[in-house]
Amino acid sequence: MRPPREDTEPWYKQFWPWFLIALPLSVVIASIVTINIAIETDDGLVSDDYYKEGLAIHKDADSAAKASALGIAGTLAYDADTGAITLMLEKPLQGDGTGLSLEVTHPTVSNQDQSIQLSRLDDSRFAGRVEPLGPANWKLALRPADRSWRVEGRLPQPGSGQARLD
């Protein structure tokens, strides 16, 4: 003769069946969330035409070398509250200085990139305004209208609001 069972509760009132059901159920829920994130977020390229940009690397290297030969370098100050940009070059810019543009590029999200024209304040100071920059290590590229030279720098946000362009 068998001894009587000690557990007389039905299975759905016990701990272990629910524990064993919860393990695969949590994996199914995590999979659904992951699929939802993958479908709804855009994993766009940093550059839409990366092939042409790859071919232009030599041209960019030449423009950076020309800026170095001309001694073009400076400091950029960014005010996070107003979006004001002030560029101070180390030596006055030759020519009229009109058409100086600043490209502010987000490292991963291309729709946050901005390109602005800088206004001349005097021989070595320029100013402009950008939309507020979110947290990122922003890439800066300064070029004249004829794109004959280029200086670059990085502006980490949040940060000091200062960046070196050379």
C-alpha atoms as a PDB file:
ATOM      1  CA  MET A   1       0.000   0.000   0.000  1.00  0.00           C
ATOM      2  CA  ARG A   2       1.212   3.497  -0.907  1.00  0.00           C
ATOM      3  CA  PRO A   3       1.463   6.370   1.503  1.00  0.00           C
ATOM      4  CA  PRO A   4      -0.944   9.218   0.783  1.00  0.00           C
ATOM      5  CA  ARG A   5       0.415  12.207  -1.272  1.00  0.00           C
ATOM      6  CA  GLU A   6       1.465  15.225   0.656  1.00  0.00           C
ATOM      7  CA  ASP A   7       0.767  17.768  -2.092  1.00  0.00           C
ATOM      8  CA  THR A   8      -2.923  17.900  -2.669  1.00  0.00           C
ATOM      9  CA  GLU A   9      -2.975  21.282  -4.429  1.00  0.00           C
ATOM     10  CA  PRO A  10      -3.654  21.349  -8.185  1.00  0.00           C
ATOM     11  CA  TRP A  11      -0.672  21.929 -10.483  1.00  0.00           C
ATOM     12  CA  TYR A  12      -1.536  25.573 -11.271  1.00  0.00           C
ATOM     13  CA  LYS A  13      -1.199  26.511  -7.598  1.00  0.00           C
ATOM     14  CA  GLN A  14       2.324  25.163  -7.335  1.00  0.00           C
ATOM     15  CA  PHE A  15       5.590  27.077  -7.885  1.00  0.00           C
ATOM     16  CA  TRP A  16       7.638  24.797 -10.168  1.00  0.00           C
ATOM     17  CA  PRO A  17       5.274  24.504 -13.148  1.00  0.00           C
ATOM     18  CA  TRP A  18       5.023  28.302 -13.334  1.00  0.00           C
ATOM     19  CA  PHE A  19       8.769  28.672 -12.975  1.00  0.00           C
ATOM     20  CA  LEU A  20       9.352  26.225 -15.825  1.00  0.00           C
ATOM     21  CA  ILE A  21       6.773  28.017 -18.003  1.00  0.00           C
ATOM     22  CA  ALA A  22       8.249  31.459 -17.204  1.00  0.00           C
ATOM     23  CA  LEU A  23      11.700  30.619 -18.620  1.00  0.00           C
ATOM     24  CA  PRO A  24      10.665  30.000 -22.254  1.00  0.00           C
ATOM     25  CA  LEU A  25       7.932  32.642 -22.011  1.00  0.00           C
ATOM     26  CA  SER A  26      10.512  35.313 -21.097  1.00  0.00           C
ATOM     27  CA  VAL A  27      12.599  34.315 -24.134  1.00  0.00           C
ATOM     28  CA  VAL A  28       9.555  34.636 -26.401  1.00  0.00           C
ATOM     29  CA  ILE A  29       8.764  38.106 -25.001  1.00  0.00           C
ATOM     30  CA  ALA A  30      12.400  39.245 -25.377  1.00  0.00           C
ATOM     31  CA  SER A  31      12.398  37.985 -28.985  1.00  0.00           C
ATOM     32  CA  ILE A  32       9.229  39.922 -29.795  1.00  0.00           C
ATOM     33  CA  VAL A  33      10.693  43.102 -28.293  1.00  0.00           C
ATOM     34  CA  THR A  34      13.949  42.623 -30.248  1.00  0.00           C
ATOM     35  CA  ILE A  35      12.089  42.064 -33.521  1.00  0.00           C
ATOM     36  CA  ASN A  36       9.971  45.148 -32.849  1.00  0.00           C
ATOM     37  CA  ILE A  37      13.093  47.273 -32.247  1.00  0.00           C
ATOM     38  CA  ALA A  38      14.735  45.915 -35.410  1.00  0.00           C
ATOM     39  CA  ILE A  39      11.695  46.721 -37.549  1.00  0.00           C
ATOM     40  CA  GLU A  40      10.916  50.170 -36.162  1.00  0.00           C
ATOM     41  CA  THR A  41      14.411  51.696 -35.987  1.00  0.00           C
ATOM     42  CA  ASP A  42      16.327  52.950 -38.984  1.00  0.00           C
ATOM     43  CA  ASP A  43      19.868  51.662 -39.301  1.00  0.00           C
ATOM     44  CA  GLY A  44      20.733  54.099 -42.069  1.00  0.00           C
ATOM     45  CA  LEU A  45      24.216  54.482 -43.367  1.00  0.00           C
ATOM     46  CA  VAL A  46      26.348  57.305 -42.093  1.00  0.00           C
ATOM     47  CA  SER A  47      26.836  58.253 -45.720  1.00  0.00           C
ATOM     48  CA  ASP A  48      24.393  57.371 -48.477  1.00  0.00           C
ATOM     49  CA  ASP A  49      27.061  57.341 -51.159  1.00  0.00           C
ATOM     50  CA  TYR A  50      30.011  55.721 -49.414  1.00  0.00           C
ATOM     51  CA  TYR A  51      31.568  54.556 -52.689  1.00  0.00           C
ATOM     52  CA  LYS A  52      32.031  58.097 -54.027  1.00  0.00           C
ATOM     53  CA  GLU A  53      33.304  59.232 -50.658  1.00  0.00           C
ATOM     54  CA  GLY A  54      35.853  56.433 -50.727  1.00  0.00           C
ATOM     55  CA  LEU A  55      37.072  57.631 -54.114  1.00  0.00           C
ATOM     56  CA  ALA A  56      37.292  61.198 -52.818  1.00  0.00           C
ATOM     57  CA  ILE A  57      39.671  60.325 -49.965  1.00  0.00           C
ATOM     58  CA  HIS A  58      42.729  61.432 -51.962  1.00  0.00           C
ATOM     59  CA  LYS A  59      41.090  64.728 -52.867  1.00  0.00           C
ATOM     60  CA  ASP A  60      40.224  65.323 -49.191  1.00  0.00           C
ATOM     61  CA  ALA A  61      43.791  64.521 -48.161  1.00  0.00           C
ATOM     62  CA  ASP A  62      45.039  67.099 -50.688  1.00  0.00           C
ATOM     63  CA  SER A  63      42.651  69.753 -49.333  1.00  0.00           C
ATOM     64  CA  ALA A  64      43.785  69.065 -45.747  1.00  0.00           C
ATOM     65  CA  ALA A  65      47.433  69.304 -46.835  1.00  0.00           C
ATOM     66  CA  LYS A  66      46.738  72.620 -48.561  1.00  0.00           C
ATOM     67  CA  ALA A  67      45.130  74.016 -45.381  1.00  0.00           C
ATOM     68  CA  SER A  68      48.185  72.919 -43.421  1.00  0.00           C
ATOM     69  CA  ALA A  69      50.510  74.556 -45.946  1.00  0.00           C
ATOM     70  CA  LEU A  70      48.505  77.788 -45.724  1.00  0.00           C
ATOM     71  CA  GLY A  71      48.661  77.637 -41.928  1.00  0.00           C
ATOM     72  CA  ILE A  72      44.898  77.661 -41.509  1.00  0.00           C
ATOM     73  CA  ALA A  73      43.907  76.616 -37.997  1.00  0.00           C
ATOM     74  CA  GLY A  74      41.719  77.946 -35.266  1.00  0.00           C
ATOM     75  CA  THR A  75      39.461  77.440 -32.283  1.00  0.00           C
ATOM     76  CA  LEU A  76      35.719  77.038 -32.436  1.00  0.00           C
ATOM     77  CA  ALA A  77      33.478  77.957 -29.500  1.00  0.00           C
ATOM     78  CA  TYR A  78      29.929  76.572 -29.250  1.00  0.00           C
ATOM     79  CA  ASP A  79      27.275  77.902 -26.875  1.00  0.00           C
ATOM     80  CA  ALA A  80      24.923  75.003 -26.120  1.00  0.00           C
ATOM     81  CA  ASP A  81      22.144  77.315 -24.900  1.00  0.00           C
ATOM     82  CA  THR A  82      21.847  79.489 -28.004  1.00  0.00           C
ATOM     83  CA  GLY A  83      23.549  77.375 -30.683  1.00  0.00           C
ATOM     84  CA  ALA A  84      25.963  80.241 -31.407  1.00  0.00           C
ATOM     85  CA  ILE A  85      29.222  79.298 -33.129  1.00  0.00           C
ATOM     86  CA  THR A  86      32.284  81.563 -32.976  1.00  0.00           C
ATOM     87  CA  LEU A  87      35.396  80.695 -34.977  1.00  0.00           C
ATOM     88  CA  MET A  88      38.723  82.358 -34.182  1.00  0.00           C
ATOM     89  CA  LEU A  89      41.467  81.703 -36.731  1.00  0.00           C
ATOM     90  CA  GLU A  90      45.098  81.884 -35.637  1.00  0.00           C
ATOM     91  CA  LYS A  91      46.037  84.159 -38.511  1.00  0.00           C
ATOM     92  CA  PRO A  92      43.898  86.286 -40.820  1.00  0.00           C
ATOM     93  CA  LEU A  93      42.344  84.522 -43.773  1.00  0.00           C
ATOM     94  CA  GLN A  94      43.626  85.557 -47.192  1.00  0.00           C
ATOM     95  CA  GLY A  95      40.966  86.753 -49.628  1.00  0.00           C
ATOM     96  CA  ASP A  96      37.555  88.115 -48.792  1.00  0.00           C
ATOM     97  CA  GLY A  97      36.574  85.198 -46.542  1.00  0.00           C
ATOM     98  CA  THR A  98      33.054  85.009 -47.881  1.00  0.00           C
ATOM     99  CA  GLY A  99      31.543  81.617 -48.443  1.00  0.00           C
ATOM    100  CA  LEU A 100      33.178  79.979 -45.447  1.00  0.00           C
ATOM    101  CA  SER A 101      31.031  76.976 -44.498  1.00  0.00           C
ATOM    102  CA  LEU A 102      31.033  74.709 -41.471  1.00  0.00           C
ATOM    103  CA  GLU A 103      29.740  71.150 -41.692  1.00  0.00           C
ATOM    104  CA  VAL A 104      28.645  69.648 -38.365  1.00  0.00           C
ATOM    105  CA  THR A 105      28.301  65.883 -38.750  1.00  0.00           C
ATOM    106  CA  HIS A 106      26.803  63.412 -36.264  1.00  0.00           C
ATOM    107  CA  PRO A 107      28.874  60.204 -36.010  1.00  0.00           C
ATOM    108  CA  THR A 108      25.950  57.855 -36.690  1.00  0.00           C
ATOM    109  CA  VAL A 109      22.676  59.687 -37.429  1.00  0.00           C
ATOM    110  CA  SER A 110      22.852  61.464 -40.784  1.00  0.00           C
ATOM    111  CA  ASN A 111      19.579  63.383 -40.412  1.00  0.00           C
ATOM    112  CA  GLN A 112      21.155  65.393 -37.562  1.00  0.00           C
ATOM    113  CA  ASP A 113      23.964  66.719 -39.798  1.00  0.00           C
ATOM    114  CA  GLN A 114      24.061  70.474 -40.356  1.00  0.00           C
ATOM    115  CA  SER A 115      25.831  72.786 -42.771  1.00  0.00           C
ATOM    116  CA  ILE A 116      25.992  76.509 -42.046  1.00  0.00           C
ATOM    117  CA  GLN A 117      27.538  79.582 -43.643  1.00  0.00           C
ATOM    118  CA  LEU A 118      29.727  81.589 -41.286  1.00  0.00           C
ATOM    119  CA  SER A 119      29.605  85.406 -41.284  1.00  0.00           C
ATOM    120  CA  ARG A 120      32.828  87.384 -41.128  1.00  0.00           C
ATOM    121  CA  LEU A 121      33.191  89.533 -37.987  1.00  0.00           C
ATOM    122  CA  ASP A 122      36.748  90.718 -38.697  1.00  0.00           C
ATOM    123  CA  ASP A 123      39.918  89.356 -40.363  1.00  0.00           C
ATOM    124  CA  SER A 124      40.172  86.270 -38.179  1.00  0.00           C
ATOM    125  CA  ARG A 125      36.759  85.873 -36.491  1.00  0.00           C
ATOM    126  CA  PHE A 126      33.630  84.307 -37.930  1.00  0.00           C
ATOM    127  CA  ALA A 127      30.224  83.549 -36.445  1.00  0.00           C
ATOM    128  CA  GLY A 128      27.137  81.481 -37.160  1.00  0.00           C
ATOM    129  CA  ARG A 129      24.324  79.557 -35.511  1.00  0.00           C
ATOM    130  CA  VAL A 130      23.403  75.851 -35.508  1.00  0.00           C
ATOM    131  CA  GLU A 131      20.425  73.940 -34.212  1.00  0.00           C
ATOM    132  CA  PRO A 132      21.100  72.584 -30.694  1.00  0.00           C
ATOM    133  CA  LEU A 133      23.514  69.657 -30.770  1.00  0.00           C
ATOM    134  CA  GLY A 134      22.630  66.507 -28.863  1.00  0.00           C
ATOM    135  CA  PRO A 135      25.090  64.303 -27.000  1.00  0.00           C
ATOM    136  CA  ALA A 136      27.704  62.981 -29.436  1.00  0.00           C
ATOM    137  CA  ASN A 137      31.277  63.412 -30.599  1.00  0.00           C
ATOM    138  CA  TRP A 138      30.435  65.789 -33.467  1.00  0.00           C
ATOM    139  CA  LYS A 139      32.768  66.004 -36.477  1.00  0.00           C
ATOM    140  CA  LEU A 140      33.488  69.519 -37.733  1.00  0.00           C
ATOM    141  CA  ALA A 141      34.764  70.422 -41.219  1.00  0.00           C
ATOM    142  CA  LEU A 142      35.487  74.013 -42.260  1.00  0.00           C
ATOM    143  CA  ARG A 143      35.793  74.797 -45.994  1.00  0.00           C
ATOM    144  CA  PRO A 144      35.733  77.839 -48.283  1.00  0.00           C
ATOM    145  CA  ALA A 145      33.166  78.104 -51.091  1.00  0.00           C
ATOM    146  CA  ASP A 146      35.639  76.785 -53.687  1.00  0.00           C
ATOM    147  CA  ARG A 147      36.460  73.774 -51.443  1.00  0.00           C
ATOM    148  CA  SER A 148      40.177  74.306 -52.053  1.00  0.00           C
ATOM    149  CA  TRP A 149      41.177  73.536 -48.452  1.00  0.00           C
ATOM    150  CA  ARG A 150      39.660  71.893 -45.381  1.00  0.00           C
ATOM    151  CA  VAL A 151      40.313  71.880 -41.647  1.00  0.00           C
ATOM    152  CA  GLU A 152      38.644  69.445 -39.268  1.00  0.00           C
ATOM    153  CA  GLY A 153      38.027  68.951 -35.591  1.00  0.00           C
ATOM    154  CA  ARG A 154      35.821  67.216 -33.033  1.00  0.00           C
ATOM    155  CA  LEU A 155      33.278  68.797 -30.689  1.00  0.00           C
ATOM    156  CA  PRO A 156      32.211  66.436 -27.888  1.00  0.00           C
ATOM    157  CA  GLN A 157      28.799  67.241 -26.423  1.00  0.00           C
ATOM    158  CA  PRO A 158      28.221  67.613 -23.592  1.00  0.00           C
ATOM    159  CA  GLY A 159      31.633  69.113 -23.108  1.00  0.00           C
ATOM    160  CA  SER A 160      33.541  72.348 -22.825  1.00  0.00           C
ATOM    161  CA  GLY A 161      32.042  73.819 -25.998  1.00  0.00           C
ATOM    162  CA  GLN A 162      35.537  74.284 -27.450  1.00  0.00           C
ATOM    163  CA  ALA A 163      37.038  72.520 -30.450  1.00  0.00           C
ATOM    164  CA  ARG A 164      40.379  72.806 -32.207  1.00  0.00           C
ATOM    165  CA  LEU A 165      40.253  72.970 -36.012  1.00  0.00           C
ATOM    166  CA  ASP A 166      43.495  72.123 -37.828  1.00  0.00           C
END
